[in-house]
Amino acid sequence: MDFIKKIEASQLTAETPEFNAGDNVTVYYKIKEGNKERIQPFQGTVIQRRGAGSTETFTVRKISSGIGVERIFPLHSPLIDHVTVNRRGKVRRARIFYLRQLTGKKARIKEKRV
């Protein structure tokens, strides 16, 4: 069992910033199109973090043209170039799925005061 944990620990990336549910983040994701590669930003609110170790994922939600778009990213994926935290949100839950039913001003999250 220790052998598996050693292999998983070698796959972890250390340069991920600290963020939680409610934070507004921009994920810069590498997209391969044919033989070209480009970086595409995806900006939205983190609605959950799930898992631990090398299998940890986070879900980011944004509204695009009035339609809610959610994307699940593996935290330690080699395809993620970097993640920047734009705003820290103040929420009282670890999984804020209630945002799916809210639109407009009701879907706003208060900013955490530093």
PDB file of N, CA and C in Angstrom:
ATOM      1  N   MET A   1       0.823  -1.191   0.000  1.00  0.00           N
ATOM      2  CA  MET A   1       0.000   0.000   0.000  1.00  0.00           C
ATOM      3  C   MET A   1       0.868   1.256   0.000  1.00  0.00           C
ATOM      4  N   ASP A   2       2.004   1.235   0.696  1.00  0.00           N
ATOM      5  CA  ASP A   2       2.889   2.389   0.724  1.00  0.00           C
ATOM      6  C   ASP A   2       3.468   2.673  -0.653  1.00  0.00           C
ATOM      7  N   PHE A   3       3.652   1.631  -1.443  1.00  0.00           N
ATOM      8  CA  PHE A   3       4.193   1.795  -2.793  1.00  0.00           C
ATOM      9  C   PHE A   3       3.242   2.621  -3.656  1.00  0.00           C
ATOM     10  N   ILE A   4       1.952   2.374  -3.543  1.00  0.00           N
ATOM     11  CA  ILE A   4       0.946   3.125  -4.303  1.00  0.00           C
ATOM     12  C   ILE A   4       0.928   4.582  -3.857  1.00  0.00           C
ATOM     13  N   LYS A   5       1.023   4.811  -2.549  1.00  0.00           N
ATOM     14  CA  LYS A   5       1.027   6.185  -2.039  1.00  0.00           C
ATOM     15  C   LYS A   5       2.259   6.953  -2.493  1.00  0.00           C
ATOM     16  N   LYS A   6       3.399   6.289  -2.611  1.00  0.00           N
ATOM     17  CA  LYS A   6       4.610   6.946  -3.089  1.00  0.00           C
ATOM     18  C   LYS A   6       4.462   7.356  -4.557  1.00  0.00           C
ATOM     19  N   ILE A   7       3.863   6.507  -5.351  1.00  0.00           N
ATOM     20  CA  ILE A   7       3.659   6.832  -6.768  1.00  0.00           C
ATOM     21  C   ILE A   7       2.679   7.984  -6.906  1.00  0.00           C
ATOM     22  N   GLU A   8       1.597   7.971  -6.121  1.00  0.00           N
ATOM     23  CA  GLU A   8       0.626   9.071  -6.166  1.00  0.00           C
ATOM     24  C   GLU A   8       1.250  10.380  -5.714  1.00  0.00           C
ATOM     25  N   ALA A   9       2.091  10.337  -4.693  1.00  0.00           N
ATOM     26  CA  ALA A   9       2.733  11.562  -4.200  1.00  0.00           C
ATOM     27  C   ALA A   9       3.676  12.150  -5.237  1.00  0.00           C
ATOM     28  N   SER A  10       4.288  11.304  -6.065  1.00  0.00           N
ATOM     29  CA  SER A  10       5.192  11.826  -7.097  1.00  0.00           C
ATOM     30  C   SER A  10       4.418  12.520  -8.221  1.00  0.00           C
ATOM     31  N   GLN A  11       3.136  12.240  -8.365  1.00  0.00           N
ATOM     32  CA  GLN A  11       2.323  12.846  -9.412  1.00  0.00           C
ATOM     33  C   GLN A  11       1.709  14.181  -9.001  1.00  0.00           C
ATOM     34  N   LEU A  12       1.771  14.542  -7.718  1.00  0.00           N
ATOM     35  CA  LEU A  12       1.143  15.761  -7.238  1.00  0.00           C
ATOM     36  C   LEU A  12       1.937  16.980  -7.674  1.00  0.00           C
ATOM     37  N   THR A  13       1.194  18.056  -8.031  1.00  0.00           N
ATOM     38  CA  THR A  13       1.839  19.317  -8.351  1.00  0.00           C
ATOM     39  C   THR A  13       1.724  20.236  -7.150  1.00  0.00           C
ATOM     40  N   ALA A  14       2.805  20.899  -6.806  1.00  0.00           N
ATOM     41  CA  ALA A  14       2.847  21.699  -5.587  1.00  0.00           C
ATOM     42  C   ALA A  14       2.442  23.147  -5.816  1.00  0.00           C
ATOM     43  N   GLU A  15       2.343  23.594  -7.067  1.00  0.00           N
ATOM     44  CA  GLU A  15       2.118  25.011  -7.311  1.00  0.00           C
ATOM     45  C   GLU A  15       0.646  25.406  -7.397  1.00  0.00           C
ATOM     46  N   THR A  16      -0.255  24.639  -6.838  1.00  0.00           N
ATOM     47  CA  THR A  16      -1.666  25.015  -6.845  1.00  0.00           C
ATOM     48  C   THR A  16      -1.955  25.959  -5.681  1.00  0.00           C
ATOM     49  N   PRO A  17      -2.665  27.067  -5.930  1.00  0.00           N
ATOM     50  CA  PRO A  17      -2.959  28.011  -4.842  1.00  0.00           C
ATOM     51  C   PRO A  17      -4.073  27.480  -3.945  1.00  0.00           C
ATOM     52  N   GLU A  18      -4.197  28.093  -2.787  1.00  0.00           N
ATOM     53  CA  GLU A  18      -5.260  27.729  -1.859  1.00  0.00           C
ATOM     54  C   GLU A  18      -6.559  28.403  -2.285  1.00  0.00           C
ATOM     55  N   PHE A  19      -7.591  27.611  -2.497  1.00  0.00           N
ATOM     56  CA  PHE A  19      -8.916  28.142  -2.781  1.00  0.00           C
ATOM     57  C   PHE A  19      -9.946  27.147  -2.296  1.00  0.00           C
ATOM     58  N   ASN A  20     -11.151  27.658  -2.013  1.00  0.00           N
ATOM     59  CA  ASN A  20     -12.234  26.834  -1.493  1.00  0.00           C
ATOM     60  C   ASN A  20     -13.506  27.126  -2.263  1.00  0.00           C
ATOM     61  N   ALA A  21     -14.590  26.504  -1.863  1.00  0.00           N
ATOM     62  CA  ALA A  21     -15.888  26.765  -2.476  1.00  0.00           C
ATOM     63  C   ALA A  21     -16.268  28.215  -2.224  1.00  0.00           C
ATOM     64  N   GLY A  22     -16.842  28.859  -3.237  1.00  0.00           N
ATOM     65  CA  GLY A  22     -17.241  30.248  -3.146  1.00  0.00           C
ATOM     66  C   GLY A  22     -16.235  31.206  -3.735  1.00  0.00           C
ATOM     67  N   ASP A  23     -15.014  30.762  -3.965  1.00  0.00           N
ATOM     68  CA  ASP A  23     -13.991  31.625  -4.541  1.00  0.00           C
ATOM     69  C   ASP A  23     -14.181  31.727  -6.054  1.00  0.00           C
ATOM     70  N   ASN A  24     -13.865  32.898  -6.591  1.00  0.00           N
ATOM     71  CA  ASN A  24     -13.914  33.106  -8.032  1.00  0.00           C
ATOM     72  C   ASN A  24     -12.502  32.883  -8.561  1.00  0.00           C
ATOM     73  N   VAL A  25     -12.344  31.910  -9.455  1.00  0.00           N
ATOM     74  CA  VAL A  25     -11.023  31.540  -9.955  1.00  0.00           C
ATOM     75  C   VAL A  25     -11.011  31.560 -11.482  1.00  0.00           C
ATOM     76  N   THR A  26      -9.812  31.664 -12.025  1.00  0.00           N
ATOM     77  CA  THR A  26      -9.586  31.489 -13.457  1.00  0.00           C
ATOM     78  C   THR A  26      -8.646  30.316 -13.623  1.00  0.00           C
ATOM     79  N   VAL A  27      -9.098  29.306 -14.366  1.00  0.00           N
ATOM     80  CA  VAL A  27      -8.299  28.111 -14.621  1.00  0.00           C
ATOM     81  C   VAL A  27      -7.773  28.215 -16.043  1.00  0.00           C
ATOM     82  N   TYR A  28      -6.464  28.184 -16.199  1.00  0.00           N
ATOM     83  CA  TYR A  28      -5.839  28.230 -17.520  1.00  0.00           C
ATOM     84  C   TYR A  28      -5.536  26.798 -17.929  1.00  0.00           C
ATOM     85  N   TYR A  29      -6.309  26.306 -18.919  1.00  0.00           N
ATOM     86  CA  TYR A  29      -6.317  24.901 -19.300  1.00  0.00           C
ATOM     87  C   TYR A  29      -5.701  24.741 -20.686  1.00  0.00           C
ATOM     88  N   LYS A  30      -4.837  23.763 -20.855  1.00  0.00           N
ATOM     89  CA  LYS A  30      -4.187  23.514 -22.148  1.00  0.00           C
ATOM     90  C   LYS A  30      -5.127  22.710 -23.040  1.00  0.00           C
ATOM     91  N   ILE A  31      -5.372  23.229 -24.247  1.00  0.00           N
ATOM     92  CA  ILE A  31      -6.238  22.581 -25.224  1.00  0.00           C
ATOM     93  C   ILE A  31      -5.377  22.152 -26.400  1.00  0.00           C
ATOM     94  N   LYS A  32      -5.512  20.887 -26.813  1.00  0.00           N
ATOM     95  CA  LYS A  32      -4.781  20.400 -27.983  1.00  0.00           C
ATOM     96  C   LYS A  32      -5.739  20.305 -29.159  1.00  0.00           C
ATOM     97  N   GLU A  33      -5.394  21.006 -30.245  1.00  0.00           N
ATOM     98  CA  GLU A  33      -6.182  20.961 -31.476  1.00  0.00           C
ATOM     99  C   GLU A  33      -5.251  20.529 -32.596  1.00  0.00           C
ATOM    100  N   GLY A  34      -5.358  19.271 -32.985  1.00  0.00           N
ATOM    101  CA  GLY A  34      -4.443  18.749 -33.989  1.00  0.00           C
ATOM    102  C   GLY A  34      -3.046  18.663 -33.409  1.00  0.00           C
ATOM    103  N   ASN A  35      -2.095  19.342 -34.073  1.00  0.00           N
ATOM    104  CA  ASN A  35      -0.731  19.345 -33.552  1.00  0.00           C
ATOM    105  C   ASN A  35      -0.404  20.651 -32.821  1.00  0.00           C
ATOM    106  N   LYS A  36      -1.397  21.544 -32.681  1.00  0.00           N
ATOM    107  CA  LYS A  36      -1.201  22.810 -31.970  1.00  0.00           C
ATOM    108  C   LYS A  36      -1.698  22.697 -30.538  1.00  0.00           C
ATOM    109  N   GLU A  37      -1.158  23.539 -29.694  1.00  0.00           N
ATOM    110  CA  GLU A  37      -1.595  23.578 -28.303  1.00  0.00           C
ATOM    111  C   GLU A  37      -1.769  25.038 -27.903  1.00  0.00           C
ATOM    112  N   ARG A  38      -2.897  25.327 -27.222  1.00  0.00           N
ATOM    113  CA  ARG A  38      -3.148  26.680 -26.752  1.00  0.00           C
ATOM    114  C   ARG A  38      -3.682  26.615 -25.337  1.00  0.00           C
ATOM    115  N   ILE A  39      -3.684  27.762 -24.672  1.00  0.00           N
ATOM    116  CA  ILE A  39      -4.179  27.830 -23.295  1.00  0.00           C
ATOM    117  C   ILE A  39      -5.487  28.599 -23.306  1.00  0.00           C
ATOM    118  N   GLN A  40      -6.529  27.984 -22.750  1.00  0.00           N
ATOM    119  CA  GLN A  40      -7.863  28.586 -22.707  1.00  0.00           C
ATOM    120  C   GLN A  40      -8.241  28.882 -21.264  1.00  0.00           C
ATOM    121  N   PRO A  41      -8.570  30.150 -20.949  1.00  0.00           N
ATOM    122  CA  PRO A  41      -8.991  30.461 -19.577  1.00  0.00           C
ATOM    123  C   PRO A  41     -10.466  30.116 -19.355  1.00  0.00           C
ATOM    124  N   PHE A  42     -10.783  29.644 -18.166  1.00  0.00           N
ATOM    125  CA  PHE A  42     -12.161  29.342 -17.761  1.00  0.00           C
ATOM    126  C   PHE A  42     -12.360  30.003 -16.408  1.00  0.00           C
ATOM    127  N   GLN A  43     -13.169  31.063 -16.368  1.00  0.00           N
ATOM    128  CA  GLN A  43     -13.357  31.827 -15.145  1.00  0.00           C
ATOM    129  C   GLN A  43     -14.747  31.571 -14.588  1.00  0.00           C
ATOM    130  N   GLY A  44     -14.814  31.298 -13.290  1.00  0.00           N
ATOM    131  CA  GLY A  44     -16.101  31.068 -12.644  1.00  0.00           C
ATOM    132  C   GLY A  44     -15.944  30.872 -11.157  1.00  0.00           C
ATOM    133  N   THR A  45     -17.023  30.435 -10.533  1.00  0.00           N
ATOM    134  CA  THR A  45     -17.071  30.232  -9.092  1.00  0.00           C
ATOM    135  C   THR A  45     -16.865  28.758  -8.774  1.00  0.00           C
ATOM    136  N   VAL A  46     -16.018  28.481  -7.813  1.00  0.00           N
ATOM    137  CA  VAL A  46     -15.804  27.099  -7.366  1.00  0.00           C
ATOM    138  C   VAL A  46     -17.007  26.699  -6.531  1.00  0.00           C
ATOM    139  N   ILE A  47     -17.702  25.620  -6.957  1.00  0.00           N
ATOM    140  CA  ILE A  47     -18.871  25.193  -6.192  1.00  0.00           C
ATOM    141  C   ILE A  47     -18.582  23.971  -5.321  1.00  0.00           C
ATOM    142  N   GLN A  48     -17.465  23.287  -5.584  1.00  0.00           N
ATOM    143  CA  GLN A  48     -17.088  22.188  -4.700  1.00  0.00           C
ATOM    144  C   GLN A  48     -15.656  21.774  -4.941  1.00  0.00           C
ATOM    145  N   ARG A  49     -15.050  21.214  -3.905  1.00  0.00           N
ATOM    146  CA  ARG A  49     -13.789  20.487  -4.006  1.00  0.00           C
ATOM    147  C   ARG A  49     -14.058  19.097  -3.478  1.00  0.00           C
ATOM    148  N   ARG A  50     -13.508  18.098  -4.146  1.00  0.00           N
ATOM    149  CA  ARG A  50     -13.860  16.727  -3.803  1.00  0.00           C
ATOM    150  C   ARG A  50     -12.634  15.832  -3.931  1.00  0.00           C
ATOM    151  N   GLY A  51     -12.549  14.831  -3.075  1.00  0.00           N
ATOM    152  CA  GLY A  51     -11.457  13.872  -3.149  1.00  0.00           C
ATOM    153  C   GLY A  51     -10.248  14.314  -2.348  1.00  0.00           C
ATOM    154  N   ALA A  52      -9.184  13.526  -2.453  1.00  0.00           N
ATOM    155  CA  ALA A  52      -7.951  13.824  -1.736  1.00  0.00           C
ATOM    156  C   ALA A  52      -6.777  13.248  -2.519  1.00  0.00           C
ATOM    157  N   GLY A  53      -5.628  13.842  -2.319  1.00  0.00           N
ATOM    158  CA  GLY A  53      -4.418  13.339  -2.974  1.00  0.00           C
ATOM    159  C   GLY A  53      -4.443  13.576  -4.471  1.00  0.00           C
ATOM    160  N   SER A  54      -4.014  12.581  -5.224  1.00  0.00           N
ATOM    161  CA  SER A  54      -3.905  12.745  -6.672  1.00  0.00           C
ATOM    162  C   SER A  54      -5.259  12.707  -7.378  1.00  0.00           C
ATOM    163  N   THR A  55      -6.303  12.275  -6.689  1.00  0.00           N
ATOM    164  CA  THR A  55      -7.626  12.192  -7.319  1.00  0.00           C
ATOM    165  C   THR A  55      -8.511  13.376  -6.963  1.00  0.00           C
ATOM    166  N   GLU A  56      -7.961  14.423  -6.377  1.00  0.00           N
ATOM    167  CA  GLU A  56      -8.765  15.573  -5.961  1.00  0.00           C
ATOM    168  C   GLU A  56      -9.228  16.366  -7.182  1.00  0.00           C
ATOM    169  N   THR A  57     -10.508  16.741  -7.174  1.00  0.00           N
ATOM    170  CA  THR A  57     -11.085  17.523  -8.262  1.00  0.00           C
ATOM    171  C   THR A  57     -11.804  18.735  -7.692  1.00  0.00           C
ATOM    172  N   PHE A  58     -12.055  19.717  -8.562  1.00  0.00           N
ATOM    173  CA  PHE A  58     -12.862  20.867  -8.186  1.00  0.00           C
ATOM    174  C   PHE A  58     -13.755  21.232  -9.358  1.00  0.00           C
ATOM    175  N   THR A  59     -14.951  21.734  -9.040  1.00  0.00           N
ATOM    176  CA  THR A  59     -15.945  22.088 -10.039  1.00  0.00           C
ATOM    177  C   THR A  59     -16.082  23.598 -10.097  1.00  0.00           C
ATOM    178  N   VAL A  60     -16.015  24.140 -11.310  1.00  0.00           N
ATOM    179  CA  VAL A  60     -16.137  25.576 -11.520  1.00  0.00           C
ATOM    180  C   VAL A  60     -17.385  25.826 -12.349  1.00  0.00           C
ATOM    181  N   ARG A  61     -18.182  26.815 -11.914  1.00  0.00           N
ATOM    182  CA  ARG A  61     -19.431  27.149 -12.601  1.00  0.00           C
ATOM    183  C   ARG A  61     -19.390  28.595 -13.063  1.00  0.00           C
ATOM    184  N   LYS A  62     -19.843  28.814 -14.295  1.00  0.00           N
ATOM    185  CA  LYS A  62     -19.976  30.170 -14.812  1.00  0.00           C
ATOM    186  C   LYS A  62     -21.251  30.259 -15.632  1.00  0.00           C
ATOM    187  N   ILE A  63     -21.706  31.487 -15.872  1.00  0.00           N
ATOM    188  CA  ILE A  63     -22.878  31.725 -16.701  1.00  0.00           C
ATOM    189  C   ILE A  63     -22.379  32.247 -18.039  1.00  0.00           C
ATOM    190  N   SER A  64     -22.680  31.545 -19.116  1.00  0.00           N
ATOM    191  CA  SER A  64     -22.253  31.939 -20.453  1.00  0.00           C
ATOM    192  C   SER A  64     -23.488  32.091 -21.331  1.00  0.00           C
ATOM    193  N   SER A  65     -23.759  33.320 -21.763  1.00  0.00           N
ATOM    194  CA  SER A  65     -24.934  33.644 -22.600  1.00  0.00           C
ATOM    195  C   SER A  65     -26.231  33.221 -21.928  1.00  0.00           C
ATOM    196  N   GLY A  66     -26.304  33.385 -20.610  1.00  0.00           N
ATOM    197  CA  GLY A  66     -27.512  33.058 -19.871  1.00  0.00           C
ATOM    198  C   GLY A  66     -27.676  31.588 -19.541  1.00  0.00           C
ATOM    199  N   ILE A  67     -26.699  30.772 -19.890  1.00  0.00           N
ATOM    200  CA  ILE A  67     -26.757  29.331 -19.639  1.00  0.00           C
ATOM    201  C   ILE A  67     -25.639  28.975 -18.670  1.00  0.00           C
ATOM    202  N   GLY A  68     -25.967  28.203 -17.628  1.00  0.00           N
ATOM    203  CA  GLY A  68     -24.967  27.782 -16.655  1.00  0.00           C
ATOM    204  C   GLY A  68     -24.064  26.705 -17.225  1.00  0.00           C
ATOM    205  N   VAL A  69     -22.763  26.905 -17.089  1.00  0.00           N
ATOM    206  CA  VAL A  69     -21.775  25.941 -17.586  1.00  0.00           C
ATOM    207  C   VAL A  69     -20.909  25.526 -16.408  1.00  0.00           C
ATOM    208  N   GLU A  70     -20.798  24.226 -16.187  1.00  0.00           N
ATOM    209  CA  GLU A  70     -19.951  23.703 -15.119  1.00  0.00           C
ATOM    210  C   GLU A  70     -18.880  22.823 -15.729  1.00  0.00           C
ATOM    211  N   ARG A  71     -17.707  22.894 -15.149  1.00  0.00           N
ATOM    212  CA  ARG A  71     -16.617  22.066 -15.636  1.00  0.00           C
ATOM    213  C   ARG A  71     -15.868  21.508 -14.443  1.00  0.00           C
ATOM    214  N   ILE A  72     -15.535  20.243 -14.493  1.00  0.00           N
ATOM    215  CA  ILE A  72     -14.815  19.570 -13.419  1.00  0.00           C
ATOM    216  C   ILE A  72     -13.358  19.426 -13.848  1.00  0.00           C
ATOM    217  N   PHE A  73     -12.456  19.919 -13.006  1.00  0.00           N
ATOM    218  CA  PHE A  73     -11.030  19.852 -13.285  1.00  0.00           C
ATOM    219  C   PHE A  73     -10.342  18.974 -12.248  1.00  0.00           C
ATOM    220  N   PRO A  74      -9.457  18.058 -12.670  1.00  0.00           N
ATOM    221  CA  PRO A  74      -8.589  17.385 -11.703  1.00  0.00           C
ATOM    222  C   PRO A  74      -7.561  18.401 -11.203  1.00  0.00           C
ATOM    223  N   LEU A  75      -7.369  18.482  -9.905  1.00  0.00           N
ATOM    224  CA  LEU A  75      -6.509  19.504  -9.328  1.00  0.00           C
ATOM    225  C   LEU A  75      -5.059  19.351  -9.765  1.00  0.00           C
ATOM    226  N   HIS A  76      -4.579  18.143  -9.869  1.00  0.00           N
ATOM    227  CA  HIS A  76      -3.172  17.891 -10.185  1.00  0.00           C
ATOM    228  C   HIS A  76      -2.982  17.428 -11.628  1.00  0.00           C
ATOM    229  N   SER A  77      -3.826  17.896 -12.536  1.00  0.00           N
ATOM    230  CA  SER A  77      -3.724  17.517 -13.938  1.00  0.00           C
ATOM    231  C   SER A  77      -2.550  18.235 -14.601  1.00  0.00           C
ATOM    232  N   PRO A  78      -1.804  17.545 -15.452  1.00  0.00           N
ATOM    233  CA  PRO A  78      -0.726  18.226 -16.180  1.00  0.00           C
ATOM    234  C   PRO A  78      -1.269  19.179 -17.252  1.00  0.00           C
ATOM    235  N   LEU A  79      -2.558  19.090 -17.582  1.00  0.00           N
ATOM    236  CA  LEU A  79      -3.151  19.976 -18.574  1.00  0.00           C
ATOM    237  C   LEU A  79      -3.515  21.344 -18.004  1.00  0.00           C
ATOM    238  N   ILE A  80      -3.540  21.481 -16.679  1.00  0.00           N
ATOM    239  CA  ILE A  80      -3.801  22.778 -16.066  1.00  0.00           C
ATOM    240  C   ILE A  80      -2.481  23.541 -16.011  1.00  0.00           C
ATOM    241  N   ASP A  81      -2.450  24.687 -16.711  1.00  0.00           N
ATOM    242  CA  ASP A  81      -1.241  25.507 -16.711  1.00  0.00           C
ATOM    243  C   ASP A  81      -1.075  26.178 -15.355  1.00  0.00           C
ATOM    244  N   HIS A  82      -2.088  26.945 -14.934  1.00  0.00           N
ATOM    245  CA  HIS A  82      -2.095  27.508 -13.591  1.00  0.00           C
ATOM    246  C   HIS A  82      -3.499  27.972 -13.244  1.00  0.00           C
ATOM    247  N   VAL A  83      -3.714  28.219 -11.952  1.00  0.00           N
ATOM    248  CA  VAL A  83      -4.999  28.664 -11.427  1.00  0.00           C
ATOM    249  C   VAL A  83      -4.754  29.963 -10.674  1.00  0.00           C
ATOM    250  N   THR A  84      -5.561  30.987 -10.978  1.00  0.00           N
ATOM    251  CA  THR A  84      -5.451  32.238 -10.238  1.00  0.00           C
ATOM    252  C   THR A  84      -6.751  32.479  -9.482  1.00  0.00           C
ATOM    253  N   VAL A  85      -6.634  32.969  -8.267  1.00  0.00           N
ATOM    254  CA  VAL A  85      -7.802  33.278  -7.449  1.00  0.00           C
ATOM    255  C   VAL A  85      -8.108  34.763  -7.627  1.00  0.00           C
ATOM    256  N   ASN A  86      -9.302  35.081  -8.155  1.00  0.00           N
ATOM    257  CA  ASN A  86      -9.691  36.466  -8.399  1.00  0.00           C
ATOM    258  C   ASN A  86     -10.324  37.097  -7.165  1.00  0.00           C
ATOM    259  N   ARG A  87     -11.240  36.377  -6.530  1.00  0.00           N
ATOM    260  CA  ARG A  87     -11.944  36.881  -5.342  1.00  0.00           C
ATOM    261  C   ARG A  87     -12.134  35.737  -4.371  1.00  0.00           C
ATOM    262  N   ARG A  88     -12.074  36.054  -3.096  1.00  0.00           N
ATOM    263  CA  ARG A  88     -12.375  35.075  -2.056  1.00  0.00           C
ATOM    264  C   ARG A  88     -13.829  35.242  -1.666  1.00  0.00           C
ATOM    265  N   GLY A  89     -14.589  34.163  -1.689  1.00  0.00           N
ATOM    266  CA  GLY A  89     -16.004  34.229  -1.351  1.00  0.00           C
ATOM    267  C   GLY A  89     -16.271  33.786   0.073  1.00  0.00           C
ATOM    268  N   LYS A  90     -17.306  34.353   0.662  1.00  0.00           N
ATOM    269  CA  LYS A  90     -17.698  33.995   2.025  1.00  0.00           C
ATOM    270  C   LYS A  90     -18.947  33.134   1.942  1.00  0.00           C
ATOM    271  N   VAL A  91     -18.788  31.831   2.127  1.00  0.00           N
ATOM    272  CA  VAL A  91     -19.911  30.898   2.123  1.00  0.00           C
ATOM    273  C   VAL A  91     -19.809  30.030   3.369  1.00  0.00           C
ATOM    274  N   ARG A  92     -20.924  29.425   3.733  1.00  0.00           N
ATOM    275  CA  ARG A  92     -20.961  28.618   4.951  1.00  0.00           C
ATOM    276  C   ARG A  92     -21.044  27.128   4.668  1.00  0.00           C
ATOM    277  N   ARG A  93     -20.912  26.754   3.420  1.00  0.00           N
ATOM    278  CA  ARG A  93     -21.002  25.347   3.038  1.00  0.00           C
ATOM    279  C   ARG A  93     -19.798  24.954   2.189  1.00  0.00           C
ATOM    280  N   ALA A  94     -19.487  23.672   2.169  1.00  0.00           N
ATOM    281  CA  ALA A  94     -18.377  23.179   1.358  1.00  0.00           C
ATOM    282  C   ALA A  94     -18.816  22.905  -0.075  1.00  0.00           C
ATOM    283  N   ARG A  95     -20.106  22.659  -0.262  1.00  0.00           N
ATOM    284  CA  ARG A  95     -20.639  22.384  -1.603  1.00  0.00           C
ATOM    285  C   ARG A  95     -21.838  23.297  -1.805  1.00  0.00           C
ATOM    286  N   ILE A  96     -21.713  24.238  -2.705  1.00  0.00           N
ATOM    287  CA  ILE A  96     -22.743  25.267  -2.849  1.00  0.00           C
ATOM    288  C   ILE A  96     -23.561  25.030  -4.125  1.00  0.00           C
ATOM    289  N   PHE A  97     -24.221  23.889  -4.154  1.00  0.00           N
ATOM    290  CA  PHE A  97     -25.050  23.525  -5.307  1.00  0.00           C
ATOM    291  C   PHE A  97     -26.308  24.369  -5.406  1.00  0.00           C
ATOM    292  N   TYR A  98     -26.664  25.093  -4.346  1.00  0.00           N
ATOM    293  CA  TYR A  98     -27.857  25.928  -4.394  1.00  0.00           C
ATOM    294  C   TYR A  98     -27.702  27.065  -5.403  1.00  0.00           C
ATOM    295  N   LEU A  99     -26.489  27.348  -5.849  1.00  0.00           N
ATOM    296  CA  LEU A  99     -26.281  28.386  -6.871  1.00  0.00           C
ATOM    297  C   LEU A  99     -26.897  27.992  -8.215  1.00  0.00           C
ATOM    298  N   ARG A 100     -27.110  26.711  -8.431  1.00  0.00           N
ATOM    299  CA  ARG A 100     -27.685  26.254  -9.704  1.00  0.00           C
ATOM    300  C   ARG A 100     -29.103  26.767  -9.903  1.00  0.00           C
ATOM    301  N   GLN A 101     -29.854  26.968  -8.842  1.00  0.00           N
ATOM    302  CA  GLN A 101     -31.227  27.446  -8.952  1.00  0.00           C
ATOM    303  C   GLN A 101     -31.315  28.967  -8.943  1.00  0.00           C
ATOM    304  N   LEU A 102     -30.245  29.673  -8.596  1.00  0.00           N
ATOM    305  CA  LEU A 102     -30.292  31.123  -8.474  1.00  0.00           C
ATOM    306  C   LEU A 102     -29.772  31.796  -9.736  1.00  0.00           C
ATOM    307  N   THR A 103     -30.375  32.950 -10.071  1.00  0.00           N
ATOM    308  CA  THR A 103     -29.925  33.722 -11.218  1.00  0.00           C
ATOM    309  C   THR A 103     -29.818  35.188 -10.828  1.00  0.00           C
ATOM    310  N   GLY A 104     -29.062  35.935 -11.589  1.00  0.00           N
ATOM    311  CA  GLY A 104     -28.967  37.374 -11.393  1.00  0.00           C
ATOM    312  C   GLY A 104     -28.290  37.752 -10.095  1.00  0.00           C
ATOM    313  N   LYS A 105     -28.875  38.761  -9.418  1.00  0.00           N
ATOM    314  CA  LYS A 105     -28.261  39.271  -8.197  1.00  0.00           C
ATOM    315  C   LYS A 105     -28.319  38.280  -7.046  1.00  0.00           C
ATOM    316  N   LYS A 106     -29.272  37.366  -7.075  1.00  0.00           N
ATOM    317  CA  LYS A 106     -29.374  36.378  -5.997  1.00  0.00           C
ATOM    318  C   LYS A 106     -28.216  35.383  -6.025  1.00  0.00           C
ATOM    319  N   ALA A 107     -27.589  35.244  -7.173  1.00  0.00           N
ATOM    320  CA  ALA A 107     -26.494  34.287  -7.304  1.00  0.00           C
ATOM    321  C   ALA A 107     -25.151  34.873  -6.889  1.00  0.00           C
ATOM    322  N   ARG A 108     -25.151  36.109  -6.401  1.00  0.00           N
ATOM    323  CA  ARG A 108     -23.894  36.721  -5.971  1.00  0.00           C
ATOM    324  C   ARG A 108     -23.440  36.138  -4.645  1.00  0.00           C
ATOM    325  N   ILE A 109     -22.138  36.095  -4.464  1.00  0.00           N
ATOM    326  CA  ILE A 109     -21.532  35.611  -3.221  1.00  0.00           C
ATOM    327  C   ILE A 109     -20.793  36.789  -2.596  1.00  0.00           C
ATOM    328  N   LYS A 110     -20.972  36.978  -1.293  1.00  0.00           N
ATOM    329  CA  LYS A 110     -20.281  38.060  -0.607  1.00  0.00           C
ATOM    330  C   LYS A 110     -18.776  37.794  -0.613  1.00  0.00           C
ATOM    331  N   GLU A 111     -18.027  38.884  -0.682  1.00  0.00           N
ATOM    332  CA  GLU A 111     -16.576  38.764  -0.679  1.00  0.00           C
ATOM    333  C   GLU A 111     -16.068  38.689   0.753  1.00  0.00           C
ATOM    334  N   LYS A 112     -15.100  37.823   0.973  1.00  0.00           N
ATOM    335  CA  LYS A 112     -14.513  37.652   2.298  1.00  0.00           C
ATOM    336  C   LYS A 112     -13.638  38.853   2.609  1.00  0.00           C
ATOM    337  N   ARG A 113     -13.846  39.432   3.773  1.00  0.00           N
ATOM    338  CA  ARG A 113     -13.051  40.587   4.187  1.00  0.00           C
ATOM    339  C   ARG A 113     -11.747  40.102   4.789  1.00  0.00           C
ATOM    340  N   VAL A 114     -10.685  40.751   4.413  1.00  0.00           N
ATOM    341  CA  VAL A 114      -9.352  40.337   4.870  1.00  0.00           C
ATOM    342  C   VAL A 114      -8.926  41.130   6.072  1.00  0.00           C
TER     343      VAL A 114
END
